[in-house]
Amino acid sequence: MAGAAPRVRYMAGFCCPLGGLAASKPRVLCHKTEVFLSTGRELVYVYDQEGGLLTAAFRFPDQVWHLELLAPRRLLYALCARRGLYCLSLDRSGRSR
């Protein structure tokens, strides 16, 4: 297919901690005014760093083993136990409230 955009994006920037992934370990990611918190269970919470308020909660289909944030594209990647890798757009314009 000439001119077709690639459908696969390689995860070269997806960082793996030294020693491998620690299953179900709490993880905190910060970007600008947002704090992303995974407790190692199915939920990932998003807090406003300035006001300390919960702004969103995302439920994944199984335990979240690892989180990565691709800040320039506002994408959150979650590696879930027995379910695989999920990509969540953090763009609010396309989401229902």
PDB file of N, CA and C in Angstrom:
ATOM      1  N   MET A   1       0.827  -1.179   0.000  1.00  0.00           N
ATOM      2  CA  MET A   1       0.000   0.000   0.000  1.00  0.00           C
ATOM      3  C   MET A   1       0.870   1.241   0.000  1.00  0.00           C
ATOM      4  N   ALA A   2       0.983   1.845  -1.107  1.00  0.00           N
ATOM      5  CA  ALA A   2       1.796   3.051  -1.219  1.00  0.00           C
ATOM      6  C   ALA A   2       1.052   4.231  -0.609  1.00  0.00           C
ATOM      7  N   GLY A   3       1.747   4.988   0.205  1.00  0.00           N
ATOM      8  CA  GLY A   3       1.182   6.202   0.784  1.00  0.00           C
ATOM      9  C   GLY A   3       0.299   5.987   2.001  1.00  0.00           C
ATOM     10  N   ALA A   4       0.055   4.754   2.381  1.00  0.00           N
ATOM     11  CA  ALA A   4      -0.775   4.495   3.556  1.00  0.00           C
ATOM     12  C   ALA A   4       0.027   4.762   4.823  1.00  0.00           C
ATOM     13  N   ALA A   5      -0.625   5.362   5.790  1.00  0.00           N
ATOM     14  CA  ALA A   5       0.031   5.640   7.077  1.00  0.00           C
ATOM     15  C   ALA A   5       0.235   4.337   7.829  1.00  0.00           C
ATOM     16  N   PRO A   6       1.360   4.191   8.522  1.00  0.00           N
ATOM     17  CA  PRO A   6       1.586   2.957   9.279  1.00  0.00           C
ATOM     18  C   PRO A   6       0.548   2.795  10.381  1.00  0.00           C
ATOM     19  N   ARG A   7       0.106   1.576  10.601  1.00  0.00           N
ATOM     20  CA  ARG A   7      -0.908   1.297  11.619  1.00  0.00           C
ATOM     21  C   ARG A   7      -0.292   0.864  12.938  1.00  0.00           C
ATOM     22  N   VAL A   8       1.015   0.643  12.926  1.00  0.00           N
ATOM     23  CA  VAL A   8       1.702   0.195  14.132  1.00  0.00           C
ATOM     24  C   VAL A   8       2.666   1.289  14.567  1.00  0.00           C
ATOM     25  N   ARG A   9       2.601   1.635  15.838  1.00  0.00           N
ATOM     26  CA  ARG A   9       3.559   2.584  16.392  1.00  0.00           C
ATOM     27  C   ARG A   9       4.462   1.807  17.335  1.00  0.00           C
ATOM     28  N   TYR A  10       5.742   1.895  17.083  1.00  0.00           N
ATOM     29  CA  TYR A  10       6.686   1.166  17.920  1.00  0.00           C
ATOM     30  C   TYR A  10       6.842   1.862  19.257  1.00  0.00           C
ATOM     31  N   MET A  11       6.974   1.087  20.292  1.00  0.00           N
ATOM     32  CA  MET A  11       7.019   1.605  21.657  1.00  0.00           C
ATOM     33  C   MET A  11       8.451   1.775  22.152  1.00  0.00           C
ATOM     34  N   ALA A  12       9.318   2.330  21.328  1.00  0.00           N
ATOM     35  CA  ALA A  12      10.704   2.522  21.729  1.00  0.00           C
ATOM     36  C   ALA A  12      10.811   3.419  22.953  1.00  0.00           C
ATOM     37  N   GLY A  13       9.900   4.360  23.086  1.00  0.00           N
ATOM     38  CA  GLY A  13       9.941   5.266  24.221  1.00  0.00           C
ATOM     39  C   GLY A  13       9.251   4.736  25.461  1.00  0.00           C
ATOM     40  N   PHE A  14       8.664   3.557  25.381  1.00  0.00           N
ATOM     41  CA  PHE A  14       7.966   2.975  26.521  1.00  0.00           C
ATOM     42  C   PHE A  14       9.012   2.429  27.486  1.00  0.00           C
ATOM     43  N   CYS A  15       9.200   3.106  28.582  1.00  0.00           N
ATOM     44  CA  CYS A  15      10.284   2.789  29.510  1.00  0.00           C
ATOM     45  C   CYS A  15       9.916   1.618  30.419  1.00  0.00           C
ATOM     46  N   CYS A  16      10.865   0.754  30.636  1.00  0.00           N
ATOM     47  CA  CYS A  16      10.708  -0.355  31.572  1.00  0.00           C
ATOM     48  C   CYS A  16      11.708  -0.138  32.702  1.00  0.00           C
ATOM     49  N   PRO A  17      11.258  -0.159  33.935  1.00  0.00           N
ATOM     50  CA  PRO A  17      12.179   0.060  35.050  1.00  0.00           C
ATOM     51  C   PRO A  17      13.277  -0.993  35.102  1.00  0.00           C
ATOM     52  N   LEU A  18      14.423  -0.605  35.606  1.00  0.00           N
ATOM     53  CA  LEU A  18      15.539  -1.518  35.770  1.00  0.00           C
ATOM     54  C   LEU A  18      15.093  -2.691  36.630  1.00  0.00           C
ATOM     55  N   GLY A  19      15.304  -3.902  36.167  1.00  0.00           N
ATOM     56  CA  GLY A  19      14.877  -5.084  36.911  1.00  0.00           C
ATOM     57  C   GLY A  19      13.518  -5.596  36.495  1.00  0.00           C
ATOM     58  N   GLY A  20      12.855  -4.912  35.567  1.00  0.00           N
ATOM     59  CA  GLY A  20      11.562  -5.361  35.069  1.00  0.00           C
ATOM     60  C   GLY A  20      10.401  -4.660  35.747  1.00  0.00           C
ATOM     61  N   LEU A  21       9.217  -5.075  35.370  1.00  0.00           N
ATOM     62  CA  LEU A  21       7.996  -4.476  35.901  1.00  0.00           C
ATOM     63  C   LEU A  21       7.622  -5.118  37.232  1.00  0.00           C
ATOM     64  N   ALA A  22       7.231  -4.297  38.166  1.00  0.00           N
ATOM     65  CA  ALA A  22       6.756  -4.787  39.459  1.00  0.00           C
ATOM     66  C   ALA A  22       5.236  -4.835  39.397  1.00  0.00           C
ATOM     67  N   ALA A  23       4.675  -6.022  39.329  1.00  0.00           N
ATOM     68  CA  ALA A  23       3.235  -6.180  39.196  1.00  0.00           C
ATOM     69  C   ALA A  23       2.507  -5.584  40.394  1.00  0.00           C
ATOM     70  N   SER A  24       1.471  -4.844  40.088  1.00  0.00           N
ATOM     71  CA  SER A  24       0.573  -4.266  41.094  1.00  0.00           C
ATOM     72  C   SER A  24       1.263  -3.346  42.091  1.00  0.00           C
ATOM     73  N   LYS A  25       2.307  -2.690  41.689  1.00  0.00           N
ATOM     74  CA  LYS A  25       2.995  -1.735  42.554  1.00  0.00           C
ATOM     75  C   LYS A  25       2.422  -0.338  42.293  1.00  0.00           C
ATOM     76  N   PRO A  26       2.144   0.434  43.337  1.00  0.00           N
ATOM     77  CA  PRO A  26       1.628   1.789  43.129  1.00  0.00           C
ATOM     78  C   PRO A  26       2.582   2.627  42.274  1.00  0.00           C
ATOM     79  N   ARG A  27       2.006   3.499  41.466  1.00  0.00           N
ATOM     80  CA  ARG A  27       2.808   4.341  40.580  1.00  0.00           C
ATOM     81  C   ARG A  27       2.189   5.722  40.506  1.00  0.00           C
ATOM     82  N   VAL A  28       3.054   6.742  40.522  1.00  0.00           N
ATOM     83  CA  VAL A  28       2.614   8.135  40.423  1.00  0.00           C
ATOM     84  C   VAL A  28       3.350   8.787  39.264  1.00  0.00           C
ATOM     85  N   LEU A  29       2.586   9.433  38.380  1.00  0.00           N
ATOM     86  CA  LEU A  29       3.149  10.191  37.273  1.00  0.00           C
ATOM     87  C   LEU A  29       2.654  11.623  37.377  1.00  0.00           C
ATOM     88  N   CYS A  30       3.525  12.573  37.138  1.00  0.00           N
ATOM     89  CA  CYS A  30       3.147  13.988  37.168  1.00  0.00           C
ATOM     90  C   CYS A  30       3.425  14.625  35.823  1.00  0.00           C
ATOM     91  N   HIS A  31       2.483  15.448  35.378  1.00  0.00           N
ATOM     92  CA  HIS A  31       2.670  16.221  34.150  1.00  0.00           C
ATOM     93  C   HIS A  31       1.929  17.536  34.299  1.00  0.00           C
ATOM     94  N   LYS A  32       2.686  18.620  34.216  1.00  0.00           N
ATOM     95  CA  LYS A  32       2.136  19.971  34.396  1.00  0.00           C
ATOM     96  C   LYS A  32       1.332  20.015  35.695  1.00  0.00           C
ATOM     97  N   THR A  33       0.028  20.237  35.609  1.00  0.00           N
ATOM     98  CA  THR A  33      -0.776  20.350  36.831  1.00  0.00           C
ATOM     99  C   THR A  33      -1.526  19.064  37.165  1.00  0.00           C
ATOM    100  N   GLU A  34      -1.266  17.985  36.430  1.00  0.00           N
ATOM    101  CA  GLU A  34      -1.981  16.732  36.668  1.00  0.00           C
ATOM    102  C   GLU A  34      -1.092  15.688  37.342  1.00  0.00           C
ATOM    103  N   VAL A  35      -1.698  14.930  38.236  1.00  0.00           N
ATOM    104  CA  VAL A  35      -1.029  13.815  38.902  1.00  0.00           C
ATOM    105  C   VAL A  35      -1.843  12.556  38.596  1.00  0.00           C
ATOM    106  N   PHE A  36      -1.177  11.533  38.056  1.00  0.00           N
ATOM    107  CA  PHE A  36      -1.809  10.263  37.724  1.00  0.00           C
ATOM    108  C   PHE A  36      -1.379   9.243  38.770  1.00  0.00           C
ATOM    109  N   LEU A  37      -2.343   8.599  39.404  1.00  0.00           N
ATOM    110  CA  LEU A  37      -2.064   7.672  40.494  1.00  0.00           C
ATOM    111  C   LEU A  37      -2.679   6.313  40.200  1.00  0.00           C
ATOM    112  N   SER A  38      -1.833   5.294  40.184  1.00  0.00           N
ATOM    113  CA  SER A  38      -2.286   3.918  40.060  1.00  0.00           C
ATOM    114  C   SER A  38      -1.904   3.204  41.345  1.00  0.00           C
ATOM    115  N   THR A  39      -2.881   2.529  41.949  1.00  0.00           N
ATOM    116  CA  THR A  39      -2.622   1.806  43.194  1.00  0.00           C
ATOM    117  C   THR A  39      -2.241   0.358  42.935  1.00  0.00           C
ATOM    118  N   GLY A  40      -2.223  -0.042  41.651  1.00  0.00           N
ATOM    119  CA  GLY A  40      -1.950  -1.429  41.307  1.00  0.00           C
ATOM    120  C   GLY A  40      -3.216  -2.247  41.125  1.00  0.00           C
ATOM    121  N   ARG A  41      -4.339  -1.603  41.304  1.00  0.00           N
ATOM    122  CA  ARG A  41      -5.627  -2.267  41.063  1.00  0.00           C
ATOM    123  C   ARG A  41      -6.169  -1.787  39.724  1.00  0.00           C
ATOM    124  N   GLU A  42      -7.466  -1.881  39.495  1.00  0.00           N
ATOM    125  CA  GLU A  42      -8.060  -1.556  38.195  1.00  0.00           C
ATOM    126  C   GLU A  42      -8.220  -0.066  37.943  1.00  0.00           C
ATOM    127  N   LEU A  43      -8.200   0.745  38.980  1.00  0.00           N
ATOM    128  CA  LEU A  43      -8.471   2.172  38.823  1.00  0.00           C
ATOM    129  C   LEU A  43      -7.192   3.007  38.735  1.00  0.00           C
ATOM    130  N   VAL A  44      -7.256   4.014  37.874  1.00  0.00           N
ATOM    131  CA  VAL A  44      -6.202   5.037  37.788  1.00  0.00           C
ATOM    132  C   VAL A  44      -6.890   6.369  38.047  1.00  0.00           C
ATOM    133  N   TYR A  45      -6.368   7.118  38.988  1.00  0.00           N
ATOM    134  CA  TYR A  45      -6.956   8.392  39.387  1.00  0.00           C
ATOM    135  C   TYR A  45      -6.138   9.548  38.839  1.00  0.00           C
ATOM    136  N   VAL A  46      -6.830  10.640  38.496  1.00  0.00           N
ATOM    137  CA  VAL A  46      -6.162  11.846  38.020  1.00  0.00           C
ATOM    138  C   VAL A  46      -6.554  12.979  38.968  1.00  0.00           C
ATOM    139  N   TYR A  47      -5.550  13.638  39.505  1.00  0.00           N
ATOM    140  CA  TYR A  47      -5.768  14.741  40.439  1.00  0.00           C
ATOM    141  C   TYR A  47      -5.220  16.029  39.865  1.00  0.00           C
ATOM    142  N   ASP A  48      -5.852  17.129  40.235  1.00  0.00           N
ATOM    143  CA  ASP A  48      -5.340  18.449  39.916  1.00  0.00           C
ATOM    144  C   ASP A  48      -4.319  18.798  40.994  1.00  0.00           C
ATOM    145  N   GLN A  49      -3.083  19.006  40.585  1.00  0.00           N
ATOM    146  CA  GLN A  49      -1.997  19.236  41.540  1.00  0.00           C
ATOM    147  C   GLN A  49      -2.179  20.542  42.308  1.00  0.00           C
ATOM    148  N   GLU A  50      -2.722  21.545  41.660  1.00  0.00           N
ATOM    149  CA  GLU A  50      -2.871  22.846  42.311  1.00  0.00           C
ATOM    150  C   GLU A  50      -3.984  22.847  43.350  1.00  0.00           C
ATOM    151  N   GLY A  51      -5.137  22.262  42.996  1.00  0.00           N
ATOM    152  CA  GLY A  51      -6.267  22.265  43.919  1.00  0.00           C
ATOM    153  C   GLY A  51      -6.380  21.008  44.746  1.00  0.00           C
ATOM    154  N   GLY A  52      -5.650  19.966  44.365  1.00  0.00           N
ATOM    155  CA  GLY A  52      -5.704  18.705  45.083  1.00  0.00           C
ATOM    156  C   GLY A  52      -7.009  17.952  44.897  1.00  0.00           C
ATOM    157  N   LEU A  53      -7.752  18.291  43.845  1.00  0.00           N
ATOM    158  CA  LEU A  53      -9.051  17.670  43.615  1.00  0.00           C
ATOM    159  C   LEU A  53      -8.955  16.525  42.614  1.00  0.00           C
ATOM    160  N   LEU A  54      -9.785  15.512  42.817  1.00  0.00           N
ATOM    161  CA  LEU A  54      -9.893  14.420  41.874  1.00  0.00           C
ATOM    162  C   LEU A  54     -10.620  14.935  40.639  1.00  0.00           C
ATOM    163  N   THR A  55      -9.997  14.792  39.452  1.00  0.00           N
ATOM    164  CA  THR A  55     -10.618  15.282  38.223  1.00  0.00           C
ATOM    165  C   THR A  55     -11.125  14.149  37.333  1.00  0.00           C
ATOM    166  N   ALA A  56     -10.589  12.941  37.496  1.00  0.00           N
ATOM    167  CA  ALA A  56     -11.035  11.804  36.685  1.00  0.00           C
ATOM    168  C   ALA A  56     -10.607  10.506  37.360  1.00  0.00           C
ATOM    169  N   ALA A  57     -11.324   9.451  37.019  1.00  0.00           N
ATOM    170  CA  ALA A  57     -10.955   8.103  37.444  1.00  0.00           C
ATOM    171  C   ALA A  57     -11.223   7.185  36.261  1.00  0.00           C
ATOM    172  N   PHE A  58     -10.238   6.374  35.918  1.00  0.00           N
ATOM    173  CA  PHE A  58     -10.364   5.460  34.789  1.00  0.00           C
ATOM    174  C   PHE A  58     -10.304   4.027  35.301  1.00  0.00           C
ATOM    175  N   ARG A  59     -11.253   3.197  34.850  1.00  0.00           N
ATOM    176  CA  ARG A  59     -11.289   1.788  35.248  1.00  0.00           C
ATOM    177  C   ARG A  59     -10.790   0.943  34.077  1.00  0.00           C
ATOM    178  N   PHE A  60      -9.773   0.143  34.343  1.00  0.00           N
ATOM    179  CA  PHE A  60      -9.224  -0.769  33.348  1.00  0.00           C
ATOM    180  C   PHE A  60      -9.734  -2.173  33.645  1.00  0.00           C
ATOM    181  N   PRO A  61      -9.644  -3.105  32.683  1.00  0.00           N
ATOM    182  CA  PRO A  61     -10.255  -4.424  32.853  1.00  0.00           C
ATOM    183  C   PRO A  61      -9.549  -5.364  33.829  1.00  0.00           C
ATOM    184  N   ASP A  62      -8.366  -4.988  34.306  1.00  0.00           N
ATOM    185  CA  ASP A  62      -7.646  -5.832  35.257  1.00  0.00           C
ATOM    186  C   ASP A  62      -6.625  -4.971  35.983  1.00  0.00           C
ATOM    187  N   GLN A  63      -5.825  -5.569  36.843  1.00  0.00           N
ATOM    188  CA  GLN A  63      -4.809  -4.829  37.594  1.00  0.00           C
ATOM    189  C   GLN A  63      -3.889  -4.076  36.639  1.00  0.00           C
ATOM    190  N   VAL A  64      -3.595  -2.827  36.982  1.00  0.00           N
ATOM    191  CA  VAL A  64      -2.665  -2.026  36.191  1.00  0.00           C
ATOM    192  C   VAL A  64      -1.266  -2.289  36.725  1.00  0.00           C
ATOM    193  N   TRP A  65      -0.442  -2.903  35.872  1.00  0.00           N
ATOM    194  CA  TRP A  65       0.914  -3.237  36.275  1.00  0.00           C
ATOM    195  C   TRP A  65       1.882  -2.086  36.045  1.00  0.00           C
ATOM    196  N   HIS A  66       1.631  -1.296  35.002  1.00  0.00           N
ATOM    197  CA  HIS A  66       2.573  -0.228  34.660  1.00  0.00           C
ATOM    198  C   HIS A  66       1.843   0.877  33.917  1.00  0.00           C
ATOM    199  N   LEU A  67       2.258   2.109  34.146  1.00  0.00           N
ATOM    200  CA  LEU A  67       1.712   3.279  33.453  1.00  0.00           C
ATOM    201  C   LEU A  67       2.832   4.045  32.772  1.00  0.00           C
ATOM    202  N   GLU A  68       2.530   4.586  31.617  1.00  0.00           N
ATOM    203  CA  GLU A  68       3.432   5.506  30.923  1.00  0.00           C
ATOM    204  C   GLU A  68       2.585   6.611  30.334  1.00  0.00           C
ATOM    205  N   LEU A  69       3.106   7.816  30.368  1.00  0.00           N
ATOM    206  CA  LEU A  69       2.415   8.974  29.828  1.00  0.00           C
ATOM    207  C   LEU A  69       3.202   9.500  28.643  1.00  0.00           C
ATOM    208  N   LEU A  70       2.547   9.616  27.505  1.00  0.00           N
ATOM    209  CA  LEU A  70       3.148  10.229  26.326  1.00  0.00           C
ATOM    210  C   LEU A  70       2.596  11.651  26.284  1.00  0.00           C
ATOM    211  N   ALA A  71       3.283  12.560  26.967  1.00  0.00           N
ATOM    212  CA  ALA A  71       2.782  13.904  27.210  1.00  0.00           C
ATOM    213  C   ALA A  71       2.473  14.712  25.949  1.00  0.00           C
ATOM    214  N   PRO A  72       3.357  14.724  24.938  1.00  0.00           N
ATOM    215  CA  PRO A  72       3.063  15.573  23.777  1.00  0.00           C
ATOM    216  C   PRO A  72       1.744  15.219  23.085  1.00  0.00           C
ATOM    217  N   ARG A  73       1.366  13.969  23.111  1.00  0.00           N
ATOM    218  CA  ARG A  73       0.112  13.543  22.456  1.00  0.00           C
ATOM    219  C   ARG A  73      -1.024  13.349  23.448  1.00  0.00           C
ATOM    220  N   ARG A  74      -0.751  13.555  24.723  1.00  0.00           N
ATOM    221  CA  ARG A  74      -1.727  13.382  25.799  1.00  0.00           C
ATOM    222  C   ARG A  74      -2.356  11.988  25.755  1.00  0.00           C
ATOM    223  N   LEU A  75      -1.466  10.984  25.763  1.00  0.00           N
ATOM    224  CA  LEU A  75      -1.886   9.589  25.769  1.00  0.00           C
ATOM    225  C   LEU A  75      -1.364   8.912  27.026  1.00  0.00           C
ATOM    226  N   LEU A  76      -2.198   8.109  27.641  1.00  0.00           N
ATOM    227  CA  LEU A  76      -1.809   7.342  28.812  1.00  0.00           C
ATOM    228  C   LEU A  76      -1.839   5.869  28.424  1.00  0.00           C
ATOM    229  N   TYR A  77      -0.715   5.188  28.598  1.00  0.00           N
ATOM    230  CA  TYR A  77      -0.621   3.761  28.320  1.00  0.00           C
ATOM    231  C   TYR A  77      -0.676   3.003  29.638  1.00  0.00           C
ATOM    232  N   ALA A  78      -1.490   1.964  29.683  1.00  0.00           N
ATOM    233  CA  ALA A  78      -1.615   1.137  30.878  1.00  0.00           C
ATOM    234  C   ALA A  78      -1.421  -0.322  30.486  1.00  0.00           C
ATOM    235  N   LEU A  79      -0.484  -0.972  31.151  1.00  0.00           N
ATOM    236  CA  LEU A  79      -0.257  -2.399  30.948  1.00  0.00           C
ATOM    237  C   LEU A  79      -1.066  -3.132  32.013  1.00  0.00           C
ATOM    238  N   CYS A  80      -2.064  -3.908  31.563  1.00  0.00           N
ATOM    239  CA  CYS A  80      -2.968  -4.586  32.483  1.00  0.00           C
ATOM    240  C   CYS A  80      -2.664  -6.082  32.549  1.00  0.00           C
ATOM    241  N   ALA A  81      -2.757  -6.626  33.745  1.00  0.00           N
ATOM    242  CA  ALA A  81      -2.534  -8.061  33.962  1.00  0.00           C
ATOM    243  C   ALA A  81      -3.503  -8.868  33.109  1.00  0.00           C
ATOM    244  N   ARG A  82      -2.996  -9.875  32.451  1.00  0.00           N
ATOM    245  CA  ARG A  82      -3.786 -10.824  31.660  1.00  0.00           C
ATOM    246  C   ARG A  82      -4.639 -10.183  30.566  1.00  0.00           C
ATOM    247  N   ARG A  83      -4.501  -8.873  30.333  1.00  0.00           N
ATOM    248  CA  ARG A  83      -5.358  -8.203  29.350  1.00  0.00           C
ATOM    249  C   ARG A  83      -4.576  -7.462  28.266  1.00  0.00           C
ATOM    250  N   GLY A  84      -3.346  -7.080  28.550  1.00  0.00           N
ATOM    251  CA  GLY A  84      -2.539  -6.411  27.532  1.00  0.00           C
ATOM    252  C   GLY A  84      -2.359  -4.925  27.772  1.00  0.00           C
ATOM    253  N   LEU A  85      -1.998  -4.245  26.719  1.00  0.00           N
ATOM    254  CA  LEU A  85      -1.650  -2.823  26.761  1.00  0.00           C
ATOM    255  C   LEU A  85      -2.813  -1.991  26.245  1.00  0.00           C
ATOM    256  N   TYR A  86      -3.192  -0.978  26.996  1.00  0.00           N
ATOM    257  CA  TYR A  86      -4.286  -0.089  26.625  1.00  0.00           C
ATOM    258  C   TYR A  86      -3.752   1.321  26.448  1.00  0.00           C
ATOM    259  N   CYS A  87      -4.314   2.017  25.475  1.00  0.00           N
ATOM    260  CA  CYS A  87      -3.942   3.410  25.210  1.00  0.00           C
ATOM    261  C   CYS A  87      -5.184   4.261  25.400  1.00  0.00           C
ATOM    262  N   LEU A  88      -5.076   5.258  26.271  1.00  0.00           N
ATOM    263  CA  LEU A  88      -6.210   6.111  26.608  1.00  0.00           C
ATOM    264  C   LEU A  88      -5.878   7.549  26.240  1.00  0.00           C
ATOM    265  N   SER A  89      -6.719   8.164  25.415  1.00  0.00           N
ATOM    266  CA  SER A  89      -6.529   9.573  25.074  1.00  0.00           C
ATOM    267  C   SER A  89      -6.995  10.427  26.248  1.00  0.00           C
ATOM    268  N   LEU A  90      -6.185  11.385  26.631  1.00  0.00           N
ATOM    269  CA  LEU A  90      -6.537  12.277  27.731  1.00  0.00           C
ATOM    270  C   LEU A  90      -7.172  13.571  27.231  1.00  0.00           C
ATOM    271  N   ASP A  91      -7.437  13.622  25.940  1.00  0.00           N
ATOM    272  CA  ASP A  91      -8.090  14.779  25.335  1.00  0.00           C
ATOM    273  C   ASP A  91      -9.547  14.802  25.781  1.00  0.00           C
ATOM    274  N   ARG A  92      -9.934  15.812  26.496  1.00  0.00           N
ATOM    275  CA  ARG A  92     -11.282  15.877  27.071  1.00  0.00           C
ATOM    276  C   ARG A  92     -12.362  16.156  26.029  1.00  0.00           C
ATOM    277  N   SER A  93     -12.001  16.704  24.886  1.00  0.00           N
ATOM    278  CA  SER A  93     -13.011  17.093  23.906  1.00  0.00           C
ATOM    279  C   SER A  93     -13.790  15.905  23.359  1.00  0.00           C
ATOM    280  N   GLY A  94     -13.185  14.726  23.311  1.00  0.00           N
ATOM    281  CA  GLY A  94     -13.846  13.562  22.748  1.00  0.00           C
ATOM    282  C   GLY A  94     -14.519  12.675  23.777  1.00  0.00           C
ATOM    283  N   ARG A  95     -14.535  13.061  25.050  1.00  0.00           N
ATOM    284  CA  ARG A  95     -15.071  12.212  26.100  1.00  0.00           C
ATOM    285  C   ARG A  95     -16.417  12.707  26.588  1.00  0.00           C
ATOM    286  N   SER A  96     -17.253  11.780  27.002  1.00  0.00           N
ATOM    287  CA  SER A  96     -18.505  12.166  27.629  1.00  0.00           C
ATOM    288  C   SER A  96     -18.248  12.414  29.117  1.00  0.00           C
ATOM    289  N   ARG A  97     -19.076  13.200  29.732  1.00  0.00           N
ATOM    290  CA  ARG A  97     -18.867  13.546  31.153  1.00  0.00           C
ATOM    291  C   ARG A  97     -19.733  12.724  32.042  1.00  0.00           C
TER     292      ARG A  97
END
